[in-house]
Amino acid sequence: MTSEKSPRGGARGKLRAYFLANIGRVMDSDELRLVADNQSEWARRVRELRTEEGYQILTHNDRSELKPGQYLLETPKPQPAFERAISKETRAYVLDRNGFTCQMCGAVAGEPHPYDTTRKTRLHLGHVIDKSIGGTDEPSNLKAEGASNATLTRPDLQKLLIQVRRATSQDQLEVLQWLIRKFSRQAAEMIKS
């Protein structure tokens, strides 16, 4: 029997194979849900392909021409990814410490999901300080989360500009490069005018 966490089998394996067979083609969430056999956790499996296996699966957050719910894999070569290193014991400790309650929205494990009442809330662990900026897998840096699609309040333009201005020149250049990649078509049009 194939395990869901097996790199070859389950929904993640099907999604990986589908992305690799469709490099350069924009796919939407309905299509990917079908590939994953209508599994309710298909989006989590896509996220695992990005974070654990290092596949550069782009979304509207990465490219302005992609609409919400669209995905694109440009290259089959994965980037170095973070290894899943949270033990079962640490997971159990953090969930117990947080009262088996999402620390973002207050949903309790097993009750109807606050944004999708067709399914029950399943808790996972999130990092307080993301691993990409130096966070660890220590219990003090972990929290229970259940509504993974809940978005925090976005910073307004003024706060965002303040943060960018406070950053180092190198970090500002990284932000500029990311913006140019995301808005490549619009940047080219601005340069022409």
N, C-alpha and C. Protein backbone atom coordinates (compact mmCIF):
# COMPACT_ATOMS: atom_id res chain seq x y z
N MET A 1 0.85 -1.19 0.00
CA MET A 1 0.00 0.00 0.00
C MET A 1 0.88 1.24 0.00
N THR A 2 0.52 2.23 -0.80
CA THR A 2 1.33 3.43 -0.92
C THR A 2 0.94 4.42 0.16
N SER A 3 1.91 4.95 0.83
CA SER A 3 1.67 5.94 1.88
C SER A 3 1.54 7.33 1.28
N GLU A 4 0.73 8.20 1.90
CA GLU A 4 0.58 9.58 1.43
C GLU A 4 1.90 10.33 1.46
N LYS A 5 2.76 10.00 2.43
CA LYS A 5 4.02 10.72 2.55
C LYS A 5 5.10 10.12 1.68
N SER A 6 4.79 9.00 1.02
CA SER A 6 5.78 8.39 0.14
C SER A 6 6.07 9.33 -1.00
N PRO A 7 7.36 9.52 -1.34
CA PRO A 7 7.68 10.46 -2.40
C PRO A 7 7.15 10.01 -3.76
N ARG A 8 6.84 8.72 -3.92
CA ARG A 8 6.39 8.21 -5.21
C ARG A 8 4.88 8.08 -5.33
N GLY A 9 4.19 7.84 -4.20
CA GLY A 9 2.79 7.50 -4.28
C GLY A 9 1.87 8.54 -3.72
N GLY A 10 0.59 8.19 -3.72
CA GLY A 10 -0.43 9.07 -3.18
C GLY A 10 -0.64 10.30 -4.03
N ALA A 11 -1.41 11.23 -3.46
CA ALA A 11 -1.77 12.45 -4.18
C ALA A 11 -0.53 13.28 -4.53
N ARG A 12 0.43 13.34 -3.62
CA ARG A 12 1.63 14.15 -3.90
C ARG A 12 2.38 13.59 -5.10
N GLY A 13 2.52 12.27 -5.16
CA GLY A 13 3.20 11.64 -6.29
C GLY A 13 2.48 11.89 -7.61
N LYS A 14 1.15 11.82 -7.59
CA LYS A 14 0.36 12.08 -8.80
C LYS A 14 0.52 13.53 -9.24
N LEU A 15 0.48 14.44 -8.27
CA LEU A 15 0.63 15.86 -8.59
C LEU A 15 2.03 16.15 -9.13
N ARG A 16 3.06 15.57 -8.52
CA ARG A 16 4.43 15.76 -8.99
C ARG A 16 4.56 15.31 -10.45
N ALA A 17 4.07 14.10 -10.73
CA ALA A 17 4.15 13.56 -12.10
C ALA A 17 3.40 14.45 -13.08
N TYR A 18 2.25 14.97 -12.66
CA TYR A 18 1.44 15.83 -13.55
C TYR A 18 2.15 17.15 -13.83
N PHE A 19 2.69 17.76 -12.79
CA PHE A 19 3.44 19.01 -13.00
C PHE A 19 4.62 18.77 -13.94
N LEU A 20 5.35 17.69 -13.72
CA LEU A 20 6.53 17.41 -14.55
C LEU A 20 6.14 17.09 -16.00
N ALA A 21 4.96 16.55 -16.21
CA ALA A 21 4.48 16.27 -17.57
C ALA A 21 3.92 17.52 -18.25
N ASN A 22 3.70 18.58 -17.47
CA ASN A 22 3.09 19.81 -18.01
C ASN A 22 3.93 21.04 -17.70
N ILE A 23 5.24 20.91 -17.81
CA ILE A 23 6.14 22.04 -17.54
C ILE A 23 5.84 23.18 -18.52
N GLY A 24 5.71 24.39 -17.96
CA GLY A 24 5.46 25.56 -18.79
C GLY A 24 3.99 25.82 -19.10
N ARG A 25 3.10 24.94 -18.68
CA ARG A 25 1.67 25.11 -18.92
C ARG A 25 0.97 25.53 -17.64
N VAL A 26 0.11 26.54 -17.74
CA VAL A 26 -0.65 27.02 -16.57
C VAL A 26 -1.77 26.02 -16.28
N MET A 27 -1.85 25.60 -15.01
CA MET A 27 -2.88 24.66 -14.57
C MET A 27 -3.72 25.34 -13.49
N ASP A 28 -4.99 24.95 -13.39
CA ASP A 28 -5.82 25.58 -12.36
C ASP A 28 -6.15 24.59 -11.25
N SER A 29 -6.72 25.12 -10.18
CA SER A 29 -6.97 24.32 -8.98
C SER A 29 -7.96 23.18 -9.24
N ASP A 30 -8.97 23.39 -10.09
CA ASP A 30 -9.92 22.31 -10.38
C ASP A 30 -9.22 21.14 -11.05
N GLU A 31 -8.33 21.45 -11.97
CA GLU A 31 -7.56 20.43 -12.68
C GLU A 31 -6.68 19.64 -11.71
N LEU A 32 -6.01 20.34 -10.82
CA LEU A 32 -5.11 19.69 -9.87
C LEU A 32 -5.88 18.87 -8.84
N ARG A 33 -7.07 19.34 -8.47
CA ARG A 33 -7.91 18.59 -7.53
C ARG A 33 -8.28 17.24 -8.16
N LEU A 34 -8.61 17.23 -9.45
CA LEU A 34 -8.94 15.98 -10.14
C LEU A 34 -7.74 15.05 -10.21
N VAL A 35 -6.56 15.61 -10.49
CA VAL A 35 -5.34 14.80 -10.54
C VAL A 35 -5.11 14.11 -9.20
N ALA A 36 -5.42 14.80 -8.12
CA ALA A 36 -5.22 14.26 -6.77
C ALA A 36 -6.43 13.43 -6.33
N ASP A 37 -7.26 12.99 -7.29
CA ASP A 37 -8.44 12.18 -6.99
C ASP A 37 -9.41 12.88 -6.05
N ASN A 38 -9.61 14.19 -6.28
CA ASN A 38 -10.55 14.99 -5.49
C ASN A 38 -10.22 15.00 -4.00
N GLN A 39 -8.99 14.75 -3.67
CA GLN A 39 -8.58 14.77 -2.27
C GLN A 39 -8.67 16.20 -1.74
N SER A 40 -9.25 16.36 -0.55
CA SER A 40 -9.43 17.71 0.00
C SER A 40 -8.11 18.37 0.37
N GLU A 41 -7.07 17.60 0.54
CA GLU A 41 -5.78 18.16 0.94
C GLU A 41 -4.83 18.37 -0.25
N TRP A 42 -5.37 18.47 -1.47
CA TRP A 42 -4.51 18.60 -2.65
C TRP A 42 -3.62 19.83 -2.57
N ALA A 43 -4.12 20.96 -2.03
CA ALA A 43 -3.33 22.19 -1.97
C ALA A 43 -2.14 22.01 -1.02
N ARG A 44 -2.35 21.25 0.06
CA ARG A 44 -1.25 20.97 0.97
C ARG A 44 -0.19 20.15 0.26
N ARG A 45 -0.60 19.21 -0.58
CA ARG A 45 0.37 18.39 -1.32
C ARG A 45 1.18 19.25 -2.30
N VAL A 46 0.54 20.22 -2.93
CA VAL A 46 1.26 21.15 -3.82
C VAL A 46 2.26 21.96 -3.00
N ARG A 47 1.83 22.43 -1.83
CA ARG A 47 2.72 23.19 -0.96
C ARG A 47 3.93 22.34 -0.53
N GLU A 48 3.69 21.05 -0.26
CA GLU A 48 4.79 20.15 0.10
C GLU A 48 5.77 19.98 -1.06
N LEU A 49 5.26 19.94 -2.28
CA LEU A 49 6.15 19.86 -3.44
C LEU A 49 7.06 21.09 -3.49
N ARG A 50 6.52 22.22 -3.10
CA ARG A 50 7.32 23.45 -3.09
C ARG A 50 8.29 23.47 -1.91
N THR A 51 7.77 23.26 -0.71
CA THR A 51 8.59 23.48 0.48
C THR A 51 9.49 22.31 0.84
N GLU A 52 9.01 21.09 0.61
CA GLU A 52 9.80 19.93 1.01
C GLU A 52 10.64 19.35 -0.12
N GLU A 53 10.14 19.46 -1.35
CA GLU A 53 10.88 18.89 -2.47
C GLU A 53 11.56 19.96 -3.32
N GLY A 54 11.21 21.21 -3.12
CA GLY A 54 11.92 22.31 -3.77
C GLY A 54 11.47 22.64 -5.19
N TYR A 55 10.33 22.11 -5.65
CA TYR A 55 9.86 22.46 -6.99
C TYR A 55 9.36 23.90 -6.99
N GLN A 56 9.78 24.66 -7.98
CA GLN A 56 9.42 26.07 -8.07
C GLN A 56 8.07 26.21 -8.77
N ILE A 57 7.01 25.87 -8.06
CA ILE A 57 5.65 25.96 -8.58
C ILE A 57 5.17 27.38 -8.32
N LEU A 58 4.95 28.13 -9.39
CA LEU A 58 4.60 29.54 -9.28
C LEU A 58 3.10 29.73 -9.16
N THR A 59 2.70 30.80 -8.44
CA THR A 59 1.30 31.17 -8.29
C THR A 59 1.17 32.66 -8.58
N HIS A 60 -0.02 33.21 -8.37
CA HIS A 60 -0.24 34.64 -8.58
C HIS A 60 0.62 35.49 -7.65
N ASN A 61 1.09 34.90 -6.56
CA ASN A 61 1.99 35.63 -5.67
C ASN A 61 3.37 35.80 -6.28
N ASP A 62 3.70 34.96 -7.26
CA ASP A 62 5.01 35.01 -7.91
C ASP A 62 4.97 35.72 -9.26
N ARG A 63 3.86 35.63 -9.96
CA ARG A 63 3.72 36.20 -11.29
C ARG A 63 2.38 36.91 -11.42
N SER A 64 2.40 38.14 -11.85
CA SER A 64 1.16 38.91 -11.93
C SER A 64 0.20 38.38 -12.99
N GLU A 65 0.71 37.72 -14.03
CA GLU A 65 -0.19 37.23 -15.08
C GLU A 65 -0.96 35.97 -14.67
N LEU A 66 -0.54 35.34 -13.57
CA LEU A 66 -1.28 34.19 -13.06
C LEU A 66 -2.41 34.68 -12.17
N LYS A 67 -3.57 34.08 -12.34
CA LYS A 67 -4.72 34.44 -11.52
C LYS A 67 -4.72 33.56 -10.27
N PRO A 68 -5.42 33.99 -9.21
CA PRO A 68 -5.53 33.12 -8.04
C PRO A 68 -6.08 31.76 -8.45
N GLY A 69 -5.48 30.71 -7.94
CA GLY A 69 -5.90 29.36 -8.30
C GLY A 69 -5.19 28.78 -9.51
N GLN A 70 -4.23 29.52 -10.07
CA GLN A 70 -3.45 29.02 -11.20
C GLN A 70 -2.03 28.71 -10.74
N TYR A 71 -1.46 27.67 -11.34
CA TYR A 71 -0.13 27.18 -10.96
C TYR A 71 0.70 26.94 -12.23
N LEU A 72 2.01 27.12 -12.08
CA LEU A 72 2.91 26.95 -13.22
C LEU A 72 4.26 26.42 -12.72
N LEU A 73 4.71 25.33 -13.33
CA LEU A 73 6.05 24.82 -13.06
C LEU A 73 6.88 25.10 -14.31
N GLU A 74 7.92 25.94 -14.14
CA GLU A 74 8.74 26.34 -15.29
C GLU A 74 9.90 25.41 -15.57
N THR A 75 10.42 24.76 -14.55
CA THR A 75 11.59 23.91 -14.71
C THR A 75 11.45 22.64 -13.88
N PRO A 76 11.94 21.52 -14.40
CA PRO A 76 11.83 20.28 -13.64
C PRO A 76 12.86 20.17 -12.51
N LYS A 77 13.83 21.07 -12.49
CA LYS A 77 14.91 20.98 -11.50
C LYS A 77 14.49 21.64 -10.20
N PRO A 78 14.38 20.85 -9.12
CA PRO A 78 14.01 21.44 -7.83
C PRO A 78 15.18 22.22 -7.23
N GLN A 79 14.84 23.21 -6.43
CA GLN A 79 15.82 23.97 -5.67
C GLN A 79 16.01 23.28 -4.33
N PRO A 80 17.10 23.58 -3.61
CA PRO A 80 17.24 22.98 -2.28
C PRO A 80 16.01 23.30 -1.43
N ALA A 81 15.50 22.30 -0.75
CA ALA A 81 14.28 22.47 0.04
C ALA A 81 14.58 22.16 1.50
N PHE A 82 13.66 22.61 2.35
CA PHE A 82 13.80 22.34 3.77
C PHE A 82 13.35 20.91 4.05
N GLU A 83 14.10 20.24 4.87
CA GLU A 83 13.75 18.90 5.29
C GLU A 83 12.73 18.99 6.42
N ARG A 84 11.77 18.11 6.39
CA ARG A 84 10.78 18.08 7.47
C ARG A 84 11.45 17.47 8.68
N ALA A 85 11.60 18.24 9.74
CA ALA A 85 12.38 17.78 10.87
C ALA A 85 11.62 17.83 12.19
N ILE A 86 10.32 18.00 12.16
CA ILE A 86 9.56 18.10 13.39
C ILE A 86 9.12 16.70 13.81
N SER A 87 9.56 16.27 14.98
CA SER A 87 9.25 14.93 15.46
C SER A 87 7.78 14.82 15.87
N LYS A 88 7.30 13.58 15.95
CA LYS A 88 5.93 13.34 16.40
C LYS A 88 5.75 13.85 17.83
N GLU A 89 6.79 13.71 18.64
CA GLU A 89 6.71 14.15 20.03
C GLU A 89 6.56 15.67 20.12
N THR A 90 7.35 16.39 19.30
CA THR A 90 7.27 17.86 19.29
C THR A 90 5.90 18.29 18.78
N ARG A 91 5.42 17.64 17.72
CA ARG A 91 4.10 17.96 17.17
C ARG A 91 3.03 17.78 18.25
N ALA A 92 3.06 16.64 18.95
CA ALA A 92 2.06 16.38 19.99
C ALA A 92 2.16 17.42 21.11
N TYR A 93 3.38 17.78 21.49
CA TYR A 93 3.58 18.77 22.54
C TYR A 93 2.97 20.12 22.15
N VAL A 94 3.27 20.58 20.93
CA VAL A 94 2.79 21.90 20.49
C VAL A 94 1.27 21.90 20.36
N LEU A 95 0.70 20.85 19.80
CA LEU A 95 -0.76 20.80 19.67
C LEU A 95 -1.42 20.81 21.05
N ASP A 96 -0.87 20.05 21.98
CA ASP A 96 -1.41 20.02 23.34
C ASP A 96 -1.26 21.39 24.00
N ARG A 97 -0.09 21.99 23.86
CA ARG A 97 0.17 23.31 24.46
C ARG A 97 -0.81 24.36 23.92
N ASN A 98 -1.16 24.25 22.63
CA ASN A 98 -2.08 25.20 22.01
C ASN A 98 -3.54 24.77 22.12
N GLY A 99 -3.80 23.75 22.94
CA GLY A 99 -5.18 23.32 23.18
C GLY A 99 -5.87 22.77 21.95
N PHE A 100 -5.11 22.19 21.02
CA PHE A 100 -5.65 21.64 19.78
C PHE A 100 -6.55 22.66 19.08
N THR A 101 -6.08 23.91 19.09
CA THR A 101 -6.82 25.04 18.54
C THR A 101 -5.92 25.84 17.61
N CYS A 102 -6.45 26.23 16.46
CA CYS A 102 -5.70 27.06 15.52
C CYS A 102 -5.38 28.39 16.18
N GLN A 103 -4.13 28.76 16.18
CA GLN A 103 -3.70 30.00 16.82
C GLN A 103 -3.97 31.23 15.96
N MET A 104 -4.46 31.02 14.72
CA MET A 104 -4.79 32.15 13.84
C MET A 104 -6.27 32.49 13.90
N CYS A 105 -7.12 31.45 13.87
CA CYS A 105 -8.56 31.73 13.77
C CYS A 105 -9.37 31.18 14.92
N GLY A 106 -8.77 30.34 15.78
CA GLY A 106 -9.49 29.79 16.92
C GLY A 106 -10.24 28.50 16.64
N ALA A 107 -10.18 28.00 15.40
CA ALA A 107 -10.88 26.75 15.09
C ALA A 107 -10.26 25.59 15.86
N VAL A 108 -11.12 24.68 16.29
CA VAL A 108 -10.68 23.51 17.05
C VAL A 108 -10.61 22.32 16.10
N ALA A 109 -9.62 21.47 16.29
CA ALA A 109 -9.48 20.27 15.46
C ALA A 109 -10.77 19.46 15.50
N GLY A 110 -11.25 19.07 14.32
CA GLY A 110 -12.44 18.24 14.22
C GLY A 110 -13.73 18.99 13.98
N GLU A 111 -13.77 20.30 14.30
CA GLU A 111 -15.01 21.05 14.05
C GLU A 111 -15.02 21.53 12.59
N PRO A 112 -16.17 21.98 12.10
CA PRO A 112 -16.21 22.44 10.70
C PRO A 112 -15.17 23.54 10.45
N HIS A 113 -14.52 23.44 9.31
CA HIS A 113 -13.48 24.40 8.92
C HIS A 113 -14.13 25.77 8.75
N PRO A 114 -13.53 26.84 9.28
CA PRO A 114 -14.18 28.16 9.25
C PRO A 114 -14.36 28.74 7.84
N TYR A 115 -13.58 28.28 6.85
CA TYR A 115 -13.68 28.85 5.51
C TYR A 115 -14.17 27.84 4.49
N ASP A 116 -14.35 26.59 4.89
CA ASP A 116 -14.83 25.54 4.00
C ASP A 116 -15.60 24.55 4.85
N THR A 117 -16.90 24.81 5.05
CA THR A 117 -17.69 24.01 5.97
C THR A 117 -17.96 22.60 5.45
N THR A 118 -17.49 22.27 4.24
CA THR A 118 -17.66 20.91 3.73
C THR A 118 -16.62 19.96 4.31
N ARG A 119 -15.65 20.50 5.05
CA ARG A 119 -14.64 19.62 5.66
C ARG A 119 -14.40 20.04 7.10
N LYS A 120 -13.75 19.16 7.82
CA LYS A 120 -13.44 19.43 9.22
C LYS A 120 -12.04 20.05 9.32
N THR A 121 -11.83 20.81 10.37
CA THR A 121 -10.53 21.45 10.60
C THR A 121 -9.50 20.40 10.96
N ARG A 122 -8.38 20.42 10.24
CA ARG A 122 -7.23 19.58 10.56
C ARG A 122 -6.09 20.52 10.91
N LEU A 123 -5.48 20.28 12.03
CA LEU A 123 -4.40 21.15 12.48
C LEU A 123 -3.06 20.70 11.92
N HIS A 124 -2.22 21.65 11.61
CA HIS A 124 -0.83 21.39 11.26
C HIS A 124 0.01 22.41 12.03
N LEU A 125 1.31 22.25 11.97
CA LEU A 125 2.18 23.18 12.68
C LEU A 125 2.71 24.23 11.73
N GLY A 126 2.74 25.45 12.19
CA GLY A 126 3.32 26.56 11.44
C GLY A 126 4.44 27.18 12.26
N HIS A 127 5.31 27.88 11.58
CA HIS A 127 6.45 28.53 12.24
C HIS A 127 6.09 29.97 12.59
N VAL A 128 6.47 30.42 13.76
CA VAL A 128 6.30 31.81 14.15
C VAL A 128 7.27 32.66 13.31
N ILE A 129 8.54 32.26 13.29
CA ILE A 129 9.54 32.86 12.41
C ILE A 129 9.85 31.83 11.35
N ASP A 130 9.58 32.14 10.09
CA ASP A 130 9.72 31.19 9.00
C ASP A 130 11.15 30.65 8.91
N LYS A 131 11.26 29.39 8.51
CA LYS A 131 12.57 28.76 8.38
C LYS A 131 13.44 29.48 7.34
N SER A 132 12.80 30.07 6.33
CA SER A 132 13.57 30.75 5.27
C SER A 132 14.31 31.97 5.80
N ILE A 133 13.90 32.48 6.97
CA ILE A 133 14.61 33.64 7.53
C ILE A 133 15.23 33.30 8.89
N GLY A 134 15.51 32.01 9.07
CA GLY A 134 16.26 31.61 10.25
C GLY A 134 15.48 30.99 11.38
N GLY A 135 14.17 30.80 11.22
CA GLY A 135 13.38 30.16 12.27
C GLY A 135 13.78 28.70 12.44
N THR A 136 13.49 28.16 13.60
CA THR A 136 13.86 26.78 13.89
C THR A 136 12.61 25.92 14.06
N ASP A 137 12.84 24.63 14.24
CA ASP A 137 11.76 23.70 14.52
C ASP A 137 11.59 23.44 16.01
N GLU A 138 12.12 24.34 16.83
CA GLU A 138 11.96 24.24 18.28
C GLU A 138 10.50 24.54 18.65
N PRO A 139 9.98 23.89 19.69
CA PRO A 139 8.59 24.13 20.09
C PRO A 139 8.25 25.61 20.31
N SER A 140 9.21 26.38 20.81
CA SER A 140 8.94 27.81 21.06
C SER A 140 8.70 28.59 19.77
N ASN A 141 9.09 28.03 18.61
CA ASN A 141 8.90 28.71 17.33
C ASN A 141 7.78 28.06 16.51
N LEU A 142 6.99 27.20 17.15
CA LEU A 142 5.93 26.50 16.44
C LEU A 142 4.57 26.84 17.04
N LYS A 143 3.54 26.80 16.18
CA LYS A 143 2.17 27.04 16.65
C LYS A 143 1.21 26.18 15.84
N ALA A 144 0.07 25.88 16.44
CA ALA A 144 -0.97 25.10 15.76
C ALA A 144 -1.72 26.01 14.80
N GLU A 145 -1.95 25.51 13.59
CA GLU A 145 -2.72 26.25 12.59
C GLU A 145 -3.71 25.30 11.95
N GLY A 146 -4.87 25.82 11.60
CA GLY A 146 -5.88 24.97 10.99
C GLY A 146 -6.49 25.57 9.75
N ALA A 147 -6.54 26.86 9.67
CA ALA A 147 -7.13 27.53 8.52
C ALA A 147 -6.00 28.08 7.66
N SER A 148 -5.36 27.20 6.92
CA SER A 148 -4.16 27.60 6.20
C SER A 148 -4.41 28.67 5.15
N ASN A 149 -5.65 28.81 4.70
CA ASN A 149 -5.92 29.84 3.70
C ASN A 149 -6.32 31.17 4.31
N ALA A 150 -6.33 31.24 5.65
CA ALA A 150 -6.65 32.51 6.30
C ALA A 150 -5.49 33.46 6.07
N THR A 151 -5.80 34.66 5.68
CA THR A 151 -4.72 35.61 5.43
C THR A 151 -4.70 36.65 6.53
N LEU A 152 -3.53 37.01 6.93
CA LEU A 152 -3.40 38.06 7.92
C LEU A 152 -3.62 39.40 7.23
N THR A 153 -3.84 40.44 8.01
CA THR A 153 -4.04 41.76 7.44
C THR A 153 -2.79 42.17 6.67
N ARG A 154 -3.01 42.61 5.45
CA ARG A 154 -1.89 43.04 4.63
C ARG A 154 -1.43 44.42 5.06
N PRO A 155 -0.12 44.67 5.00
CA PRO A 155 0.36 46.00 5.36
C PRO A 155 -0.08 47.01 4.31
N ASP A 156 -0.39 48.23 4.75
CA ASP A 156 -0.74 49.26 3.77
C ASP A 156 0.55 49.73 3.08
N LEU A 157 0.39 50.52 2.04
CA LEU A 157 1.53 50.95 1.24
C LEU A 157 2.59 51.66 2.08
N GLN A 158 2.15 52.54 2.96
CA GLN A 158 3.10 53.29 3.77
C GLN A 158 3.97 52.38 4.64
N LYS A 159 3.34 51.41 5.31
CA LYS A 159 4.09 50.48 6.15
C LYS A 159 5.03 49.62 5.32
N LEU A 160 4.57 49.22 4.16
CA LEU A 160 5.41 48.40 3.28
C LEU A 160 6.63 49.18 2.81
N LEU A 161 6.43 50.44 2.40
CA LEU A 161 7.56 51.28 1.96
C LEU A 161 8.56 51.52 3.10
N ILE A 162 8.05 51.71 4.29
CA ILE A 162 8.93 51.90 5.45
C ILE A 162 9.82 50.67 5.64
N GLN A 163 9.22 49.48 5.55
CA GLN A 163 9.99 48.25 5.71
C GLN A 163 11.06 48.11 4.62
N VAL A 164 10.69 48.42 3.39
CA VAL A 164 11.66 48.31 2.29
C VAL A 164 12.79 49.33 2.47
N ARG A 165 12.44 50.54 2.87
CA ARG A 165 13.47 51.57 3.08
C ARG A 165 14.43 51.20 4.20
N ARG A 166 13.94 50.50 5.22
CA ARG A 166 14.78 50.10 6.35
C ARG A 166 15.69 48.92 6.02
N ALA A 167 15.38 48.20 4.95
CA ALA A 167 16.16 47.02 4.58
C ALA A 167 17.53 47.42 4.03
N THR A 168 18.43 46.46 4.00
CA THR A 168 19.76 46.71 3.43
C THR A 168 19.63 46.92 1.93
N SER A 169 20.63 47.52 1.33
CA SER A 169 20.62 47.73 -0.12
C SER A 169 20.49 46.40 -0.86
N GLN A 170 21.20 45.39 -0.37
CA GLN A 170 21.13 44.07 -1.02
C GLN A 170 19.71 43.51 -0.96
N ASP A 171 19.05 43.63 0.19
CA ASP A 171 17.67 43.15 0.31
C ASP A 171 16.72 43.97 -0.56
N GLN A 172 16.97 45.29 -0.67
CA GLN A 172 16.14 46.12 -1.55
C GLN A 172 16.28 45.67 -3.01
N LEU A 173 17.51 45.32 -3.41
CA LEU A 173 17.73 44.82 -4.78
C LEU A 173 17.00 43.49 -4.99
N GLU A 174 17.00 42.64 -3.97
CA GLU A 174 16.27 41.36 -4.06
C GLU A 174 14.77 41.62 -4.26
N VAL A 175 14.24 42.60 -3.52
CA VAL A 175 12.82 42.96 -3.66
C VAL A 175 12.57 43.46 -5.09
N LEU A 176 13.46 44.31 -5.59
CA LEU A 176 13.32 44.84 -6.95
C LEU A 176 13.34 43.70 -7.98
N GLN A 177 14.27 42.77 -7.83
CA GLN A 177 14.35 41.65 -8.78
C GLN A 177 13.07 40.81 -8.72
N TRP A 178 12.56 40.58 -7.51
CA TRP A 178 11.32 39.82 -7.38
C TRP A 178 10.16 40.55 -8.06
N LEU A 179 10.07 41.86 -7.84
CA LEU A 179 8.99 42.65 -8.47
C LEU A 179 9.10 42.62 -9.98
N ILE A 180 10.31 42.71 -10.51
CA ILE A 180 10.50 42.67 -11.96
C ILE A 180 10.07 41.31 -12.50
N ARG A 181 10.43 40.22 -11.80
CA ARG A 181 10.01 38.89 -12.24
C ARG A 181 8.49 38.77 -12.20
N LYS A 182 7.89 39.25 -11.11
CA LYS A 182 6.44 39.12 -10.97
C LYS A 182 5.70 39.97 -11.99
N PHE A 183 6.19 41.17 -12.24
CA PHE A 183 5.51 42.09 -13.14
C PHE A 183 6.31 42.31 -14.42
N SER A 184 6.90 41.23 -14.95
CA SER A 184 7.79 41.36 -16.11
C SER A 184 7.10 42.03 -17.30
N ARG A 185 5.87 41.64 -17.60
CA ARG A 185 5.16 42.23 -18.75
C ARG A 185 4.91 43.72 -18.52
N GLN A 186 4.43 44.07 -17.32
CA GLN A 186 4.15 45.46 -17.02
C GLN A 186 5.44 46.29 -16.98
N ALA A 187 6.54 45.71 -16.48
CA ALA A 187 7.83 46.41 -16.43
C ALA A 187 8.30 46.71 -17.85
N ALA A 188 8.15 45.75 -18.76
CA ALA A 188 8.57 45.97 -20.15
C ALA A 188 7.75 47.10 -20.79
N GLU A 189 6.45 47.14 -20.50
CA GLU A 189 5.59 48.20 -21.05
C GLU A 189 5.97 49.56 -20.48
N MET A 190 6.35 49.61 -19.19
CA MET A 190 6.75 50.88 -18.58
C MET A 190 8.05 51.40 -19.21
N ILE A 191 8.96 50.48 -19.49
CA ILE A 191 10.24 50.89 -20.09
C ILE A 191 10.01 51.43 -21.50
N LYS A 192 9.07 50.84 -22.25
CA LYS A 192 8.78 51.29 -23.61
C LYS A 192 8.20 52.71 -23.63
N SER A 193 7.40 53.06 -22.59
CA SER A 193 6.73 54.37 -22.62
C SER A 193 7.57 55.46 -22.07
